[in-house]
PDB file of N, CA and C in Angstrom:
ATOM      1  N   MET A   1      63.567  67.218  75.915  1.00  0.00           N
ATOM      2  CA  MET A   1      63.775  65.957  75.236  1.00  0.00           C
ATOM      3  C   MET A   1      62.552  65.074  75.447  1.00  0.00           C
ATOM      4  N   GLU A   2      62.158  64.373  74.414  1.00  0.00           N
ATOM      5  CA  GLU A   2      61.027  63.452  74.509  1.00  0.00           C
ATOM      6  C   GLU A   2      61.487  62.153  75.173  1.00  0.00           C
ATOM      7  N   ARG A   3      60.657  61.650  76.062  1.00  0.00           N
ATOM      8  CA  ARG A   3      61.015  60.425  76.783  1.00  0.00           C
ATOM      9  C   ARG A   3      60.804  59.193  75.908  1.00  0.00           C
ATOM     10  N   PRO A   4      61.657  58.181  76.082  1.00  0.00           N
ATOM     11  CA  PRO A   4      61.487  56.931  75.327  1.00  0.00           C
ATOM     12  C   PRO A   4      60.160  56.265  75.691  1.00  0.00           C
ATOM     13  N   THR A   5      59.585  55.541  74.763  1.00  0.00           N
ATOM     14  CA  THR A   5      58.283  54.906  74.963  1.00  0.00           C
ATOM     15  C   THR A   5      58.282  53.989  76.177  1.00  0.00           C
ATOM     16  N   ARG A   6      59.308  53.206  76.347  1.00  0.00           N
ATOM     17  CA  ARG A   6      59.356  52.251  77.453  1.00  0.00           C
ATOM     18  C   ARG A   6      59.466  52.943  78.815  1.00  0.00           C
ATOM     19  N   PHE A   7      60.030  54.150  78.826  1.00  0.00           N
ATOM     20  CA  PHE A   7      60.259  54.883  80.067  1.00  0.00           C
ATOM     21  C   PHE A   7      59.479  56.203  80.079  1.00  0.00           C
ATOM     22  N   GLU A   8      58.304  56.213  79.468  1.00  0.00           N
ATOM     23  CA  GLU A   8      57.552  57.461  79.327  1.00  0.00           C
ATOM     24  C   GLU A   8      57.055  58.023  80.655  1.00  0.00           C
ATOM     25  N   HIS A   9      56.899  57.200  81.677  1.00  0.00           N
ATOM     26  CA  HIS A   9      56.411  57.668  82.970  1.00  0.00           C
ATOM     27  C   HIS A   9      57.534  57.844  83.991  1.00  0.00           C
ATOM     28  N   ALA A  10      58.769  57.688  83.562  1.00  0.00           N
ATOM     29  CA  ALA A  10      59.913  57.794  84.476  1.00  0.00           C
ATOM     30  C   ALA A  10      60.665  59.095  84.219  1.00  0.00           C
ATOM     31  N   ARG A  11      61.127  59.714  85.280  1.00  0.00           N
ATOM     32  CA  ARG A  11      61.963  60.901  85.137  1.00  0.00           C
ATOM     33  C   ARG A  11      63.431  60.525  85.132  1.00  0.00           C
ATOM     34  N   PHE A  12      63.822  59.541  85.942  1.00  0.00           N
ATOM     35  CA  PHE A  12      65.217  59.142  86.060  1.00  0.00           C
ATOM     36  C   PHE A  12      65.438  57.798  85.381  1.00  0.00           C
ATOM     37  N   LEU A  13      66.421  57.749  84.485  1.00  0.00           N
ATOM     38  CA  LEU A  13      66.760  56.535  83.744  1.00  0.00           C
ATOM     39  C   LEU A  13      68.195  56.160  84.069  1.00  0.00           C
ATOM     40  N   GLY A  14      68.398  54.950  84.581  1.00  0.00           N
ATOM     41  CA  GLY A  14      69.734  54.498  84.944  1.00  0.00           C
ATOM     42  C   GLY A  14      70.348  53.628  83.867  1.00  0.00           C
ATOM     43  N   ASP A  15      71.658  53.694  83.750  1.00  0.00           N
ATOM     44  CA  ASP A  15      72.428  52.849  82.837  1.00  0.00           C
ATOM     45  C   ASP A  15      73.100  51.774  83.690  1.00  0.00           C
ATOM     46  N   LYS A  16      72.700  50.518  83.508  1.00  0.00           N
ATOM     47  CA  LYS A  16      73.226  49.417  84.318  1.00  0.00           C
ATOM     48  C   LYS A  16      74.719  49.200  84.109  1.00  0.00           C
ATOM     49  N   ARG A  17      75.251  49.582  82.961  1.00  0.00           N
ATOM     50  CA  ARG A  17      76.665  49.349  82.671  1.00  0.00           C
ATOM     51  C   ARG A  17      77.575  50.320  83.409  1.00  0.00           C
ATOM     52  N   SER A  18      77.174  51.569  83.494  1.00  0.00           N
ATOM     53  CA  SER A  18      78.050  52.585  84.080  1.00  0.00           C
ATOM     54  C   SER A  18      77.585  53.068  85.447  1.00  0.00           C
ATOM     55  N   GLN A  19      76.411  52.633  85.892  1.00  0.00           N
ATOM     56  CA  GLN A  19      75.836  53.057  87.165  1.00  0.00           C
ATOM     57  C   GLN A  19      75.630  54.568  87.214  1.00  0.00           C
ATOM     58  N   LEU A  20      75.308  55.180  86.062  1.00  0.00           N
ATOM     59  CA  LEU A  20      74.954  56.593  85.995  1.00  0.00           C
ATOM     60  C   LEU A  20      73.456  56.701  85.805  1.00  0.00           C
ATOM     61  N   VAL A  21      72.858  57.726  86.380  1.00  0.00           N
ATOM     62  CA  VAL A  21      71.427  57.964  86.238  1.00  0.00           C
ATOM     63  C   VAL A  21      71.245  59.299  85.509  1.00  0.00           C
ATOM     64  N   TYR A  22      70.314  59.319  84.563  1.00  0.00           N
ATOM     65  CA  TYR A  22      70.060  60.490  83.732  1.00  0.00           C
ATOM     66  C   TYR A  22      68.693  61.064  84.080  1.00  0.00           C
ATOM     67  N   ASP A  23      68.641  62.372  84.298  1.00  0.00           N
ATOM     68  CA  ASP A  23      67.397  63.081  84.545  1.00  0.00           C
ATOM     69  C   ASP A  23      66.814  63.441  83.178  1.00  0.00           C
ATOM     70  N   LEU A  24      65.762  62.757  82.775  1.00  0.00           N
ATOM     71  CA  LEU A  24      65.215  62.940  81.430  1.00  0.00           C
ATOM     72  C   LEU A  24      64.590  64.316  81.231  1.00  0.00           C
ATOM     73  N   ASP A  25      64.242  65.012  82.302  1.00  0.00           N
ATOM     74  CA  ASP A  25      63.706  66.371  82.176  1.00  0.00           C
ATOM     75  C   ASP A  25      64.812  67.379  81.898  1.00  0.00           C
ATOM     76  N   GLU A  26      66.025  67.092  82.300  1.00  0.00           N
ATOM     77  CA  GLU A  26      67.133  68.035  82.164  1.00  0.00           C
ATOM     78  C   GLU A  26      68.152  67.646  81.091  1.00  0.00           C
ATOM     79  N   TRP A  27      68.208  66.380  80.713  1.00  0.00           N
ATOM     80  CA  TRP A  27      69.236  65.885  79.788  1.00  0.00           C
ATOM     81  C   TRP A  27      68.879  66.288  78.362  1.00  0.00           C
ATOM     82  N   ASP A  28      69.876  66.790  77.605  1.00  0.00           N
ATOM     83  CA  ASP A  28      69.637  67.272  76.243  1.00  0.00           C
ATOM     84  C   ASP A  28      70.141  66.349  75.147  1.00  0.00           C
ATOM     85  N   ASP A  29      71.097  65.478  75.439  1.00  0.00           N
ATOM     86  CA  ASP A  29      71.716  64.622  74.427  1.00  0.00           C
ATOM     87  C   ASP A  29      70.892  63.347  74.226  1.00  0.00           C
ATOM     88  N   ALA A  30      70.034  63.355  73.209  1.00  0.00           N
ATOM     89  CA  ALA A  30      69.141  62.216  72.954  1.00  0.00           C
ATOM     90  C   ALA A  30      69.906  60.968  72.527  1.00  0.00           C
ATOM     91  N   ALA A  31      71.086  61.120  71.944  1.00  0.00           N
ATOM     92  CA  ALA A  31      71.852  59.972  71.464  1.00  0.00           C
ATOM     93  C   ALA A  31      72.251  59.047  72.621  1.00  0.00           C
ATOM     94  N   VAL A  32      72.579  59.603  73.751  1.00  0.00           N
ATOM     95  CA  VAL A  32      72.970  58.798  74.912  1.00  0.00           C
ATOM     96  C   VAL A  32      71.784  57.967  75.392  1.00  0.00           C
ATOM     97  N   ILE A  33      70.630  58.595  75.506  1.00  0.00           N
ATOM     98  CA  ILE A  33      69.428  57.907  75.972  1.00  0.00           C
ATOM     99  C   ILE A  33      68.998  56.844  74.972  1.00  0.00           C
ATOM    100  N   ASP A  34      69.042  57.156  73.687  1.00  0.00           N
ATOM    101  CA  ASP A  34      68.680  56.178  72.655  1.00  0.00           C
ATOM    102  C   ASP A  34      69.604  54.970  72.683  1.00  0.00           C
ATOM    103  N   GLU A  35      70.892  55.197  72.962  1.00  0.00           N
ATOM    104  CA  GLU A  35      71.854  54.092  73.022  1.00  0.00           C
ATOM    105  C   GLU A  35      71.558  53.187  74.224  1.00  0.00           C
ATOM    106  N   ILE A  36      71.185  53.773  75.350  1.00  0.00           N
ATOM    107  CA  ILE A  36      70.855  52.987  76.547  1.00  0.00           C
ATOM    108  C   ILE A  36      69.610  52.138  76.294  1.00  0.00           C
ATOM    109  N   VAL A  37      68.585  52.747  75.732  1.00  0.00           N
ATOM    110  CA  VAL A  37      67.334  52.024  75.456  1.00  0.00           C
ATOM    111  C   VAL A  37      67.560  50.957  74.382  1.00  0.00           C
ATOM    112  N   GLY A  38      68.329  51.291  73.342  1.00  0.00           N
ATOM    113  CA  GLY A  38      68.605  50.340  72.268  1.00  0.00           C
ATOM    114  C   GLY A  38      69.388  49.128  72.728  1.00  0.00           C
ATOM    115  N   ALA A  39      70.285  49.325  73.687  1.00  0.00           N
ATOM    116  CA  ALA A  39      71.087  48.220  74.209  1.00  0.00           C
ATOM    117  C   ALA A  39      70.326  47.397  75.250  1.00  0.00           C
ATOM    118  N   GLY A  40      69.195  47.929  75.719  1.00  0.00           N
ATOM    119  CA  GLY A  40      68.398  47.198  76.702  1.00  0.00           C
ATOM    120  C   GLY A  40      69.004  47.175  78.091  1.00  0.00           C
ATOM    121  N   VAL A  41      69.743  48.218  78.452  1.00  0.00           N
ATOM    122  CA  VAL A  41      70.398  48.255  79.756  1.00  0.00           C
ATOM    123  C   VAL A  41      69.875  49.390  80.630  1.00  0.00           C
ATOM    124  N   GLY A  42      68.689  49.893  80.317  1.00  0.00           N
ATOM    125  CA  GLY A  42      68.090  50.963  81.104  1.00  0.00           C
ATOM    126  C   GLY A  42      67.305  50.406  82.279  1.00  0.00           C
ATOM    127  N   ILE A  43      67.219  51.202  83.334  1.00  0.00           N
ATOM    128  CA  ILE A  43      66.454  50.825  84.517  1.00  0.00           C
ATOM    129  C   ILE A  43      65.751  52.074  85.038  1.00  0.00           C
ATOM    130  N   GLN A  44      64.516  51.892  85.492  1.00  0.00           N
ATOM    131  CA  GLN A  44      63.827  52.993  86.158  1.00  0.00           C
ATOM    132  C   GLN A  44      63.647  52.635  87.615  1.00  0.00           C
ATOM    133  N   PHE A  45      63.412  53.622  88.441  1.00  0.00           N
ATOM    134  CA  PHE A  45      63.404  53.444  89.878  1.00  0.00           C
ATOM    135  C   PHE A  45      62.018  53.693  90.446  1.00  0.00           C
ATOM    136  N   GLY A  46      61.695  52.969  91.492  1.00  0.00           N
ATOM    137  CA  GLY A  46      60.422  53.164  92.167  1.00  0.00           C
ATOM    138  C   GLY A  46      60.669  53.328  93.648  1.00  0.00           C
ATOM    139  N   PRO A  47      60.370  54.439  94.238  1.00  0.00           N
ATOM    140  CA  PRO A  47      59.791  55.638  93.640  1.00  0.00           C
ATOM    141  C   PRO A  47      60.776  56.321  92.703  1.00  0.00           C
ATOM    142  N   ASP A  48      60.228  57.055  91.762  1.00  0.00           N
ATOM    143  CA  ASP A  48      61.016  57.698  90.721  1.00  0.00           C
ATOM    144  C   ASP A  48      61.675  58.958  91.288  1.00  0.00           C
ATOM    145  N   SER A  49      62.788  58.748  91.991  1.00  0.00           N
ATOM    146  CA  SER A  49      63.472  59.881  92.612  1.00  0.00           C
ATOM    147  C   SER A  49      64.980  59.672  92.555  1.00  0.00           C
ATOM    148  N   LEU A  50      65.697  60.775  92.632  1.00  0.00           N
ATOM    149  CA  LEU A  50      67.154  60.705  92.637  1.00  0.00           C
ATOM    150  C   LEU A  50      67.657  60.030  93.910  1.00  0.00           C
ATOM    151  N   ALA A  51      66.942  60.227  95.004  1.00  0.00           N
ATOM    152  CA  ALA A  51      67.338  59.589  96.265  1.00  0.00           C
ATOM    153  C   ALA A  51      67.301  58.060  96.144  1.00  0.00           C
ATOM    154  N   GLU A  52      66.294  57.512  95.478  1.00  0.00           N
ATOM    155  CA  GLU A  52      66.206  56.059  95.288  1.00  0.00           C
ATOM    156  C   GLU A  52      67.321  55.570  94.376  1.00  0.00           C
ATOM    157  N   ALA A  53      67.653  56.330  93.329  1.00  0.00           N
ATOM    158  CA  ALA A  53      68.758  55.951  92.447  1.00  0.00           C
ATOM    159  C   ALA A  53      70.081  55.928  93.210  1.00  0.00           C
ATOM    160  N   ARG A  54      70.296  56.920  94.042  1.00  0.00           N
ATOM    161  CA  ARG A  54      71.527  56.963  94.841  1.00  0.00           C
ATOM    162  C   ARG A  54      71.556  55.823  95.850  1.00  0.00           C
ATOM    163  N   ASN A  55      70.394  55.462  96.373  1.00  0.00           N
ATOM    164  CA  ASN A  55      70.303  54.347  97.310  1.00  0.00           C
ATOM    165  C   ASN A  55      70.759  53.040  96.664  1.00  0.00           C
ATOM    166  N   ARG A  56      70.568  52.927  95.361  1.00  0.00           N
ATOM    167  CA  ARG A  56      70.972  51.728  94.621  1.00  0.00           C
ATOM    168  C   ARG A  56      72.381  51.832  94.041  1.00  0.00           C
ATOM    169  N   GLY A  57      73.107  52.891  94.375  1.00  0.00           N
ATOM    170  CA  GLY A  57      74.498  53.008  93.954  1.00  0.00           C
ATOM    171  C   GLY A  57      74.726  53.796  92.685  1.00  0.00           C
ATOM    172  N   TYR A  58      73.713  54.467  92.165  1.00  0.00           N
ATOM    173  CA  TYR A  58      73.834  55.255  90.937  1.00  0.00           C
ATOM    174  C   TYR A  58      74.195  56.687  91.290  1.00  0.00           C
ATOM    175  N   THR A  59      74.948  57.344  90.393  1.00  0.00           N
ATOM    176  CA  THR A  59      75.265  58.755  90.562  1.00  0.00           C
ATOM    177  C   THR A  59      74.702  59.524  89.377  1.00  0.00           C
ATOM    178  N   LEU A  60      74.374  60.783  89.614  1.00  0.00           N
ATOM    179  CA  LEU A  60      73.768  61.618  88.590  1.00  0.00           C
ATOM    180  C   LEU A  60      74.777  61.914  87.485  1.00  0.00           C
ATOM    181  N   ALA A  61      74.365  61.703  86.257  1.00  0.00           N
ATOM    182  CA  ALA A  61      75.226  61.961  85.105  1.00  0.00           C
ATOM    183  C   ALA A  61      75.232  63.457  84.795  1.00  0.00           C
ATOM    184  N   THR A  62      76.381  63.951  84.433  1.00  0.00           N
ATOM    185  CA  THR A  62      76.533  65.317  83.959  1.00  0.00           C
ATOM    186  C   THR A  62      77.225  65.248  82.612  1.00  0.00           C
ATOM    187  N   PRO A  63      77.018  66.238  81.752  1.00  0.00           N
ATOM    188  CA  PRO A  63      77.680  66.202  80.444  1.00  0.00           C
ATOM    189  C   PRO A  63      79.194  66.065  80.588  1.00  0.00           C
ATOM    190  N   GLY A  64      79.744  65.106  79.888  1.00  0.00           N
ATOM    191  CA  GLY A  64      81.176  64.853  79.923  1.00  0.00           C
ATOM    192  C   GLY A  64      81.630  63.881  80.991  1.00  0.00           C
ATOM    193  N   LYS A  65      80.745  63.487  81.892  1.00  0.00           N
ATOM    194  CA  LYS A  65      81.106  62.556  82.954  1.00  0.00           C
ATOM    195  C   LYS A  65      81.119  61.136  82.396  1.00  0.00           C
ATOM    196  N   ARG A  66      82.180  60.414  82.654  1.00  0.00           N
ATOM    197  CA  ARG A  66      82.299  59.046  82.162  1.00  0.00           C
ATOM    198  C   ARG A  66      82.685  58.131  83.299  1.00  0.00           C
ATOM    199  N   ARG A  67      82.224  56.902  83.223  1.00  0.00           N
ATOM    200  CA  ARG A  67      82.611  55.864  84.164  1.00  0.00           C
ATOM    201  C   ARG A  67      82.924  54.614  83.374  1.00  0.00           C
ATOM    202  N   LEU A  68      83.627  53.720  84.002  1.00  0.00           N
ATOM    203  CA  LEU A  68      83.954  52.453  83.390  1.00  0.00           C
ATOM    204  C   LEU A  68      82.666  51.693  83.104  1.00  0.00           C
ATOM    205  N   ARG A  69      82.515  51.212  81.888  1.00  0.00           N
ATOM    206  CA  ARG A  69      81.337  50.441  81.526  1.00  0.00           C
ATOM    207  C   ARG A  69      81.586  48.980  81.800  1.00  0.00           C
ATOM    208  N   ARG A  70      80.667  48.380  82.482  1.00  0.00           N
ATOM    209  CA  ARG A  70      80.742  46.955  82.797  1.00  0.00           C
ATOM    210  C   ARG A  70      79.511  46.267  82.232  1.00  0.00           C
ATOM    211  N   SER A  71      79.541  44.970  82.164  1.00  0.00           N
ATOM    212  CA  SER A  71      78.358  44.262  81.694  1.00  0.00           C
ATOM    213  C   SER A  71      77.274  44.351  82.757  1.00  0.00           C
ATOM    214  N   PRO A  72      76.007  44.440  82.347  1.00  0.00           N
ATOM    215  CA  PRO A  72      74.913  44.560  83.324  1.00  0.00           C
ATOM    216  C   PRO A  72      74.844  43.362  84.250  1.00  0.00           C
ATOM    217  N   ARG A  73      74.501  43.628  85.497  1.00  0.00           N
ATOM    218  CA  ARG A  73      74.387  42.552  86.477  1.00  0.00           C
ATOM    219  C   ARG A  73      73.108  41.767  86.327  1.00  0.00           C
ATOM    220  N   SER A  74      72.065  42.435  85.859  1.00  0.00           N
ATOM    221  CA  SER A  74      70.792  41.728  85.698  1.00  0.00           C
ATOM    222  C   SER A  74      70.041  42.218  84.505  1.00  0.00           C
TER     223      SER A  74
END
């Protein structure tokens, strides 16, 4: 999958509403990523690692995994 322009240097993209993190190298469903970027609720992590995403309370998204969507905190 091609990475979004705003997140072209990031591997992990988080959704602030659901607290799920997507691995852009492994994720195949472009519609989900486009919806996150279009809504302006994406976040990237520094350092760009799954450990940092988990440190901030995010869990790795898997196909079919859903969480309650909330309004973004920031």
